[in-house]
Amino acid sequence: MKWIKYAYEKDGILPDGSKVPDLPIIKLMLIRRDTKKLIVGDALIDTGFDMSVYSNYEIANFLEGLKPTGKAELKSAAEIIECEIHEVEASFASDDASQIAAKGGSSLSVKKLGRIKIYVPTNPEDLADDALIGREILNMLNFKLNGSYAEIQVYR
């Protein structure tokens, strides 16, 4: 089975001058069949998130107008977050997929995931800066994190 490799995303410096550890990310491609559109972007690997994908602003805008398939209440450390659940086709994309998509290319998908659930908070203030990919999907993977690269194998 082929390993897919993604470079970590550089994070920043804290006010005290210490470096924030770099972030393990993957490239996720979402497809809306109703509009025949797709989006490719980074999703932060979050082993503490129980569900599949937690939306950021970009994904929420992409899903605008799509009828939700359900609702959920997610519990964070500080509050309960009301979410709409949307289902779309998803794939892991190549690390350079965003550049290929911008040029109109079509060979973006590395490994199809099928239909996945995306949790979109109903309160825009609860949208994440970075999309999160959680254990519902991570548990379908063999993955390695080494501080520089995230490597995954999909066995679904």
N, C-alpha and C. Protein backbone atom coordinates (compact mmCIF):
# COMPACT_ATOMS: atom_id res chain seq x y z
N MET A 1 0.84 -1.17 0.00
CA MET A 1 0.00 0.00 0.00
C MET A 1 0.90 1.25 0.00
N LYS A 2 0.57 2.21 -0.81
CA LYS A 2 1.37 3.42 -0.99
C LYS A 2 1.19 4.40 0.17
N TRP A 3 2.29 4.98 0.63
CA TRP A 3 2.25 6.04 1.63
C TRP A 3 2.08 7.38 0.93
N ILE A 4 1.25 8.24 1.49
CA ILE A 4 1.07 9.60 1.00
C ILE A 4 1.76 10.51 2.02
N LYS A 5 2.60 11.41 1.54
CA LYS A 5 3.43 12.23 2.43
C LYS A 5 3.05 13.71 2.32
N TYR A 6 2.86 14.36 3.47
CA TYR A 6 2.51 15.77 3.54
C TYR A 6 3.48 16.49 4.48
N ALA A 7 4.04 17.60 4.03
CA ALA A 7 4.92 18.40 4.88
C ALA A 7 4.10 19.10 5.97
N TYR A 8 4.66 19.19 7.15
CA TYR A 8 4.02 19.92 8.24
C TYR A 8 3.88 21.39 7.85
N GLU A 9 2.89 22.04 8.43
CA GLU A 9 2.71 23.48 8.25
C GLU A 9 3.44 24.20 9.38
N LYS A 10 4.20 25.19 9.01
CA LYS A 10 4.94 25.97 10.01
C LYS A 10 3.96 26.77 10.85
N ASP A 11 4.18 26.76 12.15
CA ASP A 11 3.36 27.60 13.03
C ASP A 11 4.20 28.80 13.42
N GLY A 12 3.83 29.50 14.44
CA GLY A 12 4.47 30.78 14.72
C GLY A 12 5.30 30.80 15.98
N ILE A 13 5.47 32.02 16.46
CA ILE A 13 6.22 32.30 17.67
C ILE A 13 5.25 32.88 18.70
N LEU A 14 5.35 32.39 19.92
CA LEU A 14 4.50 32.89 21.01
C LEU A 14 5.01 34.25 21.50
N PRO A 15 4.16 35.00 22.20
CA PRO A 15 4.59 36.31 22.70
C PRO A 15 5.88 36.26 23.54
N ASP A 16 6.12 35.13 24.21
CA ASP A 16 7.34 35.03 25.02
C ASP A 16 8.57 34.67 24.19
N GLY A 17 8.39 34.52 22.85
CA GLY A 17 9.51 34.24 21.96
C GLY A 17 9.75 32.77 21.69
N SER A 18 9.03 31.89 22.38
CA SER A 18 9.22 30.45 22.13
C SER A 18 8.47 30.03 20.86
N LYS A 19 9.01 29.00 20.21
CA LYS A 19 8.44 28.51 18.95
C LYS A 19 7.28 27.57 19.22
N VAL A 20 6.21 27.74 18.48
CA VAL A 20 5.07 26.83 18.54
C VAL A 20 5.41 25.64 17.63
N PRO A 21 5.18 24.41 18.09
CA PRO A 21 5.49 23.25 17.23
C PRO A 21 4.74 23.31 15.90
N ASP A 22 5.39 22.84 14.84
CA ASP A 22 4.75 22.81 13.52
C ASP A 22 3.56 21.87 13.55
N LEU A 23 2.65 22.04 12.58
CA LEU A 23 1.36 21.35 12.59
C LEU A 23 1.29 20.22 11.56
N PRO A 24 0.86 19.03 11.99
CA PRO A 24 0.67 17.94 11.02
C PRO A 24 -0.64 18.15 10.25
N ILE A 25 -0.54 18.23 8.94
CA ILE A 25 -1.72 18.45 8.11
C ILE A 25 -1.79 17.42 6.99
N ILE A 26 -2.96 17.30 6.42
CA ILE A 26 -3.17 16.51 5.20
C ILE A 26 -3.92 17.41 4.23
N LYS A 27 -3.91 17.05 2.95
CA LYS A 27 -4.70 17.75 1.93
C LYS A 27 -6.00 16.97 1.74
N LEU A 28 -7.09 17.68 1.88
CA LEU A 28 -8.41 17.06 1.73
C LEU A 28 -9.13 17.71 0.56
N MET A 29 -9.71 16.88 -0.29
CA MET A 29 -10.50 17.37 -1.41
C MET A 29 -11.96 17.01 -1.15
N LEU A 30 -12.84 18.02 -1.21
CA LEU A 30 -14.28 17.82 -1.03
C LEU A 30 -14.97 18.12 -2.34
N ILE A 31 -15.98 17.31 -2.66
CA ILE A 31 -16.69 17.45 -3.93
C ILE A 31 -18.19 17.57 -3.67
N ARG A 32 -18.79 18.61 -4.27
CA ARG A 32 -20.24 18.76 -4.24
C ARG A 32 -20.78 18.34 -5.59
N ARG A 33 -21.52 17.26 -5.62
CA ARG A 33 -22.10 16.76 -6.87
C ARG A 33 -23.20 17.69 -7.38
N ASP A 34 -23.93 18.36 -6.45
CA ASP A 34 -25.04 19.21 -6.86
C ASP A 34 -24.57 20.44 -7.65
N THR A 35 -23.39 20.96 -7.33
CA THR A 35 -22.87 22.14 -8.02
C THR A 35 -21.71 21.81 -8.95
N LYS A 36 -21.27 20.54 -8.91
CA LYS A 36 -20.11 20.08 -9.71
C LYS A 36 -18.88 20.92 -9.41
N LYS A 37 -18.69 21.25 -8.14
CA LYS A 37 -17.53 22.02 -7.71
C LYS A 37 -16.74 21.23 -6.68
N LEU A 38 -15.47 21.57 -6.58
CA LEU A 38 -14.63 20.94 -5.57
C LEU A 38 -13.78 21.98 -4.88
N ILE A 39 -13.29 21.59 -3.73
CA ILE A 39 -12.40 22.45 -2.95
C ILE A 39 -11.27 21.56 -2.43
N VAL A 40 -10.06 22.11 -2.41
CA VAL A 40 -8.91 21.41 -1.88
C VAL A 40 -8.27 22.30 -0.83
N GLY A 41 -8.00 21.72 0.33
CA GLY A 41 -7.36 22.52 1.37
C GLY A 41 -6.74 21.65 2.44
N ASP A 42 -6.05 22.32 3.33
CA ASP A 42 -5.39 21.64 4.43
C ASP A 42 -6.38 21.32 5.54
N ALA A 43 -6.16 20.19 6.19
CA ALA A 43 -6.91 19.84 7.39
C ALA A 43 -5.89 19.42 8.44
N LEU A 44 -6.01 19.99 9.60
CA LEU A 44 -5.11 19.71 10.70
C LEU A 44 -5.46 18.37 11.33
N ILE A 45 -4.49 17.50 11.48
CA ILE A 45 -4.71 16.20 12.12
C ILE A 45 -4.94 16.45 13.61
N ASP A 46 -6.11 16.04 14.11
CA ASP A 46 -6.48 16.29 15.50
C ASP A 46 -7.00 15.00 16.12
N THR A 47 -6.13 14.29 16.81
CA THR A 47 -6.54 13.01 17.42
C THR A 47 -7.48 13.21 18.61
N GLY A 48 -7.67 14.45 19.05
CA GLY A 48 -8.60 14.73 20.14
C GLY A 48 -10.01 15.03 19.67
N PHE A 49 -10.21 15.15 18.35
CA PHE A 49 -11.55 15.41 17.80
C PHE A 49 -12.17 14.08 17.44
N ASP A 50 -13.33 13.78 18.03
CA ASP A 50 -13.99 12.48 17.86
C ASP A 50 -14.55 12.24 16.46
N MET A 51 -15.04 13.28 15.82
CA MET A 51 -15.80 13.14 14.59
C MET A 51 -14.88 13.13 13.36
N SER A 52 -15.47 13.35 12.18
CA SER A 52 -14.70 13.26 10.94
C SER A 52 -14.00 14.58 10.61
N VAL A 53 -14.76 15.61 10.19
CA VAL A 53 -14.17 16.90 9.81
C VAL A 53 -14.95 18.02 10.49
N TYR A 54 -14.20 18.93 11.12
CA TYR A 54 -14.77 20.14 11.72
C TYR A 54 -14.44 21.29 10.78
N SER A 55 -15.45 22.04 10.42
CA SER A 55 -15.35 23.04 9.36
C SER A 55 -14.57 24.29 9.76
N ASN A 56 -13.91 24.85 8.76
CA ASN A 56 -13.37 26.20 8.87
C ASN A 56 -14.24 27.11 8.00
N TYR A 57 -13.87 28.40 7.88
CA TYR A 57 -14.66 29.35 7.09
C TYR A 57 -14.74 28.92 5.62
N GLU A 58 -13.63 28.48 5.07
CA GLU A 58 -13.59 28.12 3.65
C GLU A 58 -14.54 26.97 3.34
N ILE A 59 -14.55 25.96 4.17
CA ILE A 59 -15.45 24.82 3.95
C ILE A 59 -16.90 25.24 4.15
N ALA A 60 -17.17 26.05 5.19
CA ALA A 60 -18.54 26.51 5.44
C ALA A 60 -19.07 27.28 4.23
N ASN A 61 -18.26 28.13 3.63
CA ASN A 61 -18.68 28.86 2.43
C ASN A 61 -18.92 27.92 1.27
N PHE A 62 -18.06 26.91 1.12
CA PHE A 62 -18.21 25.91 0.06
C PHE A 62 -19.53 25.15 0.20
N LEU A 63 -19.94 24.88 1.42
CA LEU A 63 -21.16 24.10 1.68
C LEU A 63 -22.43 24.94 1.71
N GLU A 64 -22.30 26.26 1.63
CA GLU A 64 -23.46 27.13 1.70
C GLU A 64 -24.49 26.74 0.63
N GLY A 65 -25.74 26.62 1.06
CA GLY A 65 -26.82 26.24 0.16
C GLY A 65 -27.09 24.75 0.11
N LEU A 66 -26.19 23.94 0.63
CA LEU A 66 -26.38 22.49 0.67
C LEU A 66 -27.24 22.14 1.89
N LYS A 67 -28.27 21.35 1.67
CA LYS A 67 -29.17 20.99 2.76
C LYS A 67 -28.44 20.05 3.74
N PRO A 68 -28.47 20.39 5.04
CA PRO A 68 -27.82 19.51 6.02
C PRO A 68 -28.53 18.17 6.13
N THR A 69 -27.77 17.14 6.47
CA THR A 69 -28.34 15.81 6.66
C THR A 69 -28.67 15.53 8.12
N GLY A 70 -28.26 16.43 8.99
CA GLY A 70 -28.54 16.25 10.41
C GLY A 70 -28.00 17.40 11.23
N LYS A 71 -28.15 17.25 12.54
CA LYS A 71 -27.65 18.23 13.50
C LYS A 71 -26.94 17.48 14.61
N ALA A 72 -26.00 18.17 15.26
CA ALA A 72 -25.28 17.56 16.37
C ALA A 72 -24.85 18.63 17.35
N GLU A 73 -24.67 18.20 18.58
CA GLU A 73 -24.08 19.06 19.61
C GLU A 73 -22.72 18.49 19.94
N LEU A 74 -21.69 19.29 19.72
CA LEU A 74 -20.33 18.87 20.05
C LEU A 74 -19.91 19.55 21.34
N LYS A 75 -19.25 18.79 22.19
CA LYS A 75 -18.82 19.34 23.47
C LYS A 75 -17.35 19.71 23.38
N SER A 76 -17.07 20.98 23.65
CA SER A 76 -15.69 21.41 23.77
C SER A 76 -15.40 21.57 25.26
N ALA A 77 -14.20 21.95 25.59
CA ALA A 77 -13.84 22.12 27.00
C ALA A 77 -14.69 23.20 27.66
N ALA A 78 -15.07 24.21 26.89
CA ALA A 78 -15.75 25.37 27.49
C ALA A 78 -17.24 25.45 27.21
N GLU A 79 -17.72 24.77 26.16
CA GLU A 79 -19.11 24.98 25.76
C GLU A 79 -19.62 23.83 24.90
N ILE A 80 -20.92 23.90 24.61
CA ILE A 80 -21.53 22.99 23.64
C ILE A 80 -21.69 23.75 22.34
N ILE A 81 -21.25 23.15 21.24
CA ILE A 81 -21.30 23.81 19.93
C ILE A 81 -22.35 23.12 19.07
N GLU A 82 -23.37 23.90 18.68
CA GLU A 82 -24.42 23.40 17.80
C GLU A 82 -23.88 23.34 16.37
N CYS A 83 -24.06 22.21 15.70
CA CYS A 83 -23.55 22.05 14.34
C CYS A 83 -24.61 21.48 13.42
N GLU A 84 -24.51 21.86 12.15
CA GLU A 84 -25.22 21.16 11.09
C GLU A 84 -24.25 20.14 10.52
N ILE A 85 -24.78 19.00 10.12
CA ILE A 85 -23.95 17.96 9.51
C ILE A 85 -24.24 17.96 8.01
N HIS A 86 -23.19 18.04 7.23
CA HIS A 86 -23.29 17.96 5.77
C HIS A 86 -22.48 16.75 5.31
N GLU A 87 -22.97 16.08 4.28
CA GLU A 87 -22.23 14.94 3.73
C GLU A 87 -21.83 15.24 2.29
N VAL A 88 -20.55 15.03 2.01
CA VAL A 88 -20.01 15.24 0.67
C VAL A 88 -18.99 14.15 0.37
N GLU A 89 -18.67 14.01 -0.91
CA GLU A 89 -17.61 13.09 -1.32
C GLU A 89 -16.27 13.69 -0.94
N ALA A 90 -15.34 12.84 -0.52
CA ALA A 90 -14.03 13.34 -0.11
C ALA A 90 -12.93 12.39 -0.57
N SER A 91 -11.77 12.97 -0.76
CA SER A 91 -10.55 12.22 -1.09
C SER A 91 -9.38 12.90 -0.41
N PHE A 92 -8.34 12.12 -0.18
CA PHE A 92 -7.07 12.73 0.15
C PHE A 92 -6.48 13.18 -1.17
N ALA A 93 -5.87 14.35 -1.18
CA ALA A 93 -5.33 14.92 -2.41
C ALA A 93 -3.81 14.97 -2.32
N SER A 94 -3.18 15.11 -3.47
CA SER A 94 -1.73 15.22 -3.50
C SER A 94 -1.31 16.52 -2.83
N ASP A 95 -0.07 16.56 -2.36
CA ASP A 95 0.41 17.72 -1.62
C ASP A 95 0.41 18.98 -2.47
N ASP A 96 0.49 18.83 -3.80
CA ASP A 96 0.48 20.00 -4.69
C ASP A 96 -0.89 20.20 -5.34
N ALA A 97 -1.93 19.60 -4.78
CA ALA A 97 -3.27 19.64 -5.39
C ALA A 97 -3.83 21.04 -5.52
N SER A 98 -3.57 21.91 -4.55
CA SER A 98 -4.10 23.27 -4.63
C SER A 98 -3.57 23.99 -5.86
N GLN A 99 -2.30 23.79 -6.16
CA GLN A 99 -1.70 24.41 -7.34
C GLN A 99 -2.27 23.80 -8.62
N ILE A 100 -2.47 22.49 -8.63
CA ILE A 100 -3.04 21.82 -9.80
C ILE A 100 -4.47 22.31 -10.04
N ALA A 101 -5.27 22.41 -8.97
CA ALA A 101 -6.66 22.86 -9.09
C ALA A 101 -6.73 24.29 -9.61
N ALA A 102 -5.83 25.14 -9.15
CA ALA A 102 -5.82 26.54 -9.61
C ALA A 102 -5.54 26.64 -11.11
N LYS A 103 -4.83 25.65 -11.65
CA LYS A 103 -4.49 25.65 -13.07
C LYS A 103 -5.51 24.84 -13.89
N GLY A 104 -6.57 24.35 -13.23
CA GLY A 104 -7.61 23.61 -13.94
C GLY A 104 -7.31 22.14 -14.13
N GLY A 105 -6.34 21.62 -13.41
CA GLY A 105 -5.98 20.20 -13.54
C GLY A 105 -7.03 19.30 -12.94
N SER A 106 -6.98 18.03 -13.28
CA SER A 106 -8.00 17.11 -12.79
C SER A 106 -7.45 15.93 -12.01
N SER A 107 -6.15 15.68 -12.01
CA SER A 107 -5.61 14.51 -11.31
C SER A 107 -5.19 14.90 -9.90
N LEU A 108 -6.18 15.22 -9.07
CA LEU A 108 -5.92 15.71 -7.73
C LEU A 108 -5.99 14.61 -6.68
N SER A 109 -6.87 13.65 -6.89
CA SER A 109 -7.16 12.65 -5.89
C SER A 109 -6.04 11.63 -5.78
N VAL A 110 -5.66 11.33 -4.54
CA VAL A 110 -4.70 10.27 -4.29
C VAL A 110 -5.43 9.03 -3.82
N LYS A 111 -6.38 9.21 -2.89
CA LYS A 111 -7.14 8.09 -2.35
C LYS A 111 -8.53 8.55 -1.96
N LYS A 112 -9.56 7.93 -2.53
CA LYS A 112 -10.94 8.30 -2.23
C LYS A 112 -11.34 7.80 -0.84
N LEU A 113 -12.08 8.64 -0.15
CA LEU A 113 -12.64 8.27 1.15
C LEU A 113 -14.12 7.93 1.04
N GLY A 114 -14.79 8.41 0.00
CA GLY A 114 -16.23 8.24 -0.12
C GLY A 114 -16.94 9.39 0.56
N ARG A 115 -18.19 9.16 0.96
CA ARG A 115 -18.96 10.22 1.62
C ARG A 115 -18.51 10.34 3.07
N ILE A 116 -18.28 11.58 3.47
CA ILE A 116 -17.91 11.85 4.86
C ILE A 116 -18.83 12.92 5.43
N LYS A 117 -18.87 13.00 6.74
CA LYS A 117 -19.66 14.01 7.43
C LYS A 117 -18.76 15.19 7.79
N ILE A 118 -19.30 16.38 7.57
CA ILE A 118 -18.61 17.61 7.94
C ILE A 118 -19.48 18.34 8.94
N TYR A 119 -18.91 18.71 10.06
CA TYR A 119 -19.62 19.38 11.13
C TYR A 119 -19.37 20.88 11.01
N VAL A 120 -20.46 21.62 10.73
CA VAL A 120 -20.38 23.07 10.51
C VAL A 120 -21.13 23.77 11.64
N PRO A 121 -20.42 24.51 12.48
CA PRO A 121 -21.10 25.22 13.57
C PRO A 121 -22.14 26.20 13.04
N THR A 122 -23.28 26.27 13.73
CA THR A 122 -24.32 27.21 13.31
C THR A 122 -23.97 28.64 13.71
N ASN A 123 -23.13 28.80 14.72
CA ASN A 123 -22.65 30.12 15.12
C ASN A 123 -21.30 30.35 14.42
N PRO A 124 -21.21 31.33 13.54
CA PRO A 124 -19.96 31.57 12.81
C PRO A 124 -18.74 31.79 13.71
N GLU A 125 -18.96 32.27 14.93
CA GLU A 125 -17.85 32.47 15.85
C GLU A 125 -17.19 31.15 16.26
N ASP A 126 -17.91 30.04 16.09
CA ASP A 126 -17.37 28.73 16.46
C ASP A 126 -16.62 28.04 15.32
N LEU A 127 -16.60 28.67 14.13
CA LEU A 127 -15.84 28.08 13.03
C LEU A 127 -14.35 28.12 13.36
N ALA A 128 -13.65 27.08 12.97
CA ALA A 128 -12.22 26.99 13.25
C ALA A 128 -11.42 27.78 12.22
N ASP A 129 -10.24 28.24 12.62
CA ASP A 129 -9.31 28.85 11.66
C ASP A 129 -8.81 27.80 10.68
N ASP A 130 -8.54 26.61 11.20
CA ASP A 130 -8.08 25.48 10.39
C ASP A 130 -9.12 24.38 10.45
N ALA A 131 -9.41 23.75 9.31
CA ALA A 131 -10.28 22.58 9.33
C ALA A 131 -9.57 21.49 10.13
N LEU A 132 -10.35 20.70 10.85
CA LEU A 132 -9.79 19.60 11.65
C LEU A 132 -10.24 18.27 11.07
N ILE A 133 -9.33 17.32 11.01
CA ILE A 133 -9.69 15.96 10.62
C ILE A 133 -9.52 15.10 11.86
N GLY A 134 -10.63 14.45 12.27
CA GLY A 134 -10.66 13.73 13.54
C GLY A 134 -10.62 12.22 13.40
N ARG A 135 -10.83 11.58 14.54
CA ARG A 135 -10.63 10.13 14.64
C ARG A 135 -11.59 9.30 13.79
N GLU A 136 -12.77 9.82 13.48
CA GLU A 136 -13.68 9.05 12.63
C GLU A 136 -13.00 8.70 11.30
N ILE A 137 -12.15 9.58 10.81
CA ILE A 137 -11.38 9.31 9.59
C ILE A 137 -10.00 8.77 9.93
N LEU A 138 -9.36 9.35 10.93
CA LEU A 138 -8.00 8.91 11.28
C LEU A 138 -7.96 7.42 11.63
N ASN A 139 -9.04 6.89 12.19
CA ASN A 139 -9.06 5.47 12.53
C ASN A 139 -9.13 4.55 11.31
N MET A 140 -9.30 5.13 10.12
CA MET A 140 -9.27 4.36 8.88
C MET A 140 -7.87 4.37 8.26
N LEU A 141 -6.92 5.01 8.95
CA LEU A 141 -5.60 5.22 8.39
C LEU A 141 -4.52 4.55 9.21
N ASN A 142 -3.43 4.29 8.53
CA ASN A 142 -2.18 4.01 9.18
C ASN A 142 -1.40 5.30 8.98
N PHE A 143 -1.02 5.98 10.05
CA PHE A 143 -0.30 7.23 9.84
C PHE A 143 0.89 7.36 10.77
N LYS A 144 1.87 8.12 10.28
CA LYS A 144 3.10 8.39 11.02
C LYS A 144 3.29 9.90 11.06
N LEU A 145 3.65 10.41 12.22
CA LEU A 145 3.98 11.82 12.39
C LEU A 145 5.41 11.87 12.90
N ASN A 146 6.29 12.58 12.18
CA ASN A 146 7.69 12.59 12.62
C ASN A 146 8.23 13.98 12.91
N GLY A 147 7.37 14.99 12.99
CA GLY A 147 7.82 16.33 13.28
C GLY A 147 8.08 17.17 12.04
N SER A 148 8.25 16.53 10.90
CA SER A 148 8.47 17.24 9.64
C SER A 148 7.43 16.86 8.60
N TYR A 149 7.01 15.59 8.63
CA TYR A 149 6.05 15.08 7.65
C TYR A 149 4.99 14.23 8.33
N ALA A 150 3.78 14.28 7.78
CA ALA A 150 2.72 13.34 8.12
C ALA A 150 2.64 12.38 6.95
N GLU A 151 2.68 11.10 7.24
CA GLU A 151 2.57 10.08 6.18
C GLU A 151 1.35 9.22 6.50
N ILE A 152 0.54 8.96 5.48
CA ILE A 152 -0.67 8.18 5.70
C ILE A 152 -0.80 7.06 4.67
N GLN A 153 -1.46 6.00 5.09
CA GLN A 153 -1.92 4.93 4.23
C GLN A 153 -3.40 4.77 4.55
N VAL A 154 -4.22 4.67 3.51
CA VAL A 154 -5.65 4.47 3.70
C VAL A 154 -5.96 3.01 3.49
N TYR A 155 -6.62 2.38 4.44
CA TYR A 155 -6.97 0.97 4.27
C TYR A 155 -8.45 0.72 4.31
N ARG A 156 -9.23 1.72 3.94
CA ARG A 156 -10.68 1.59 3.88
C ARG A 156 -11.07 1.07 2.52
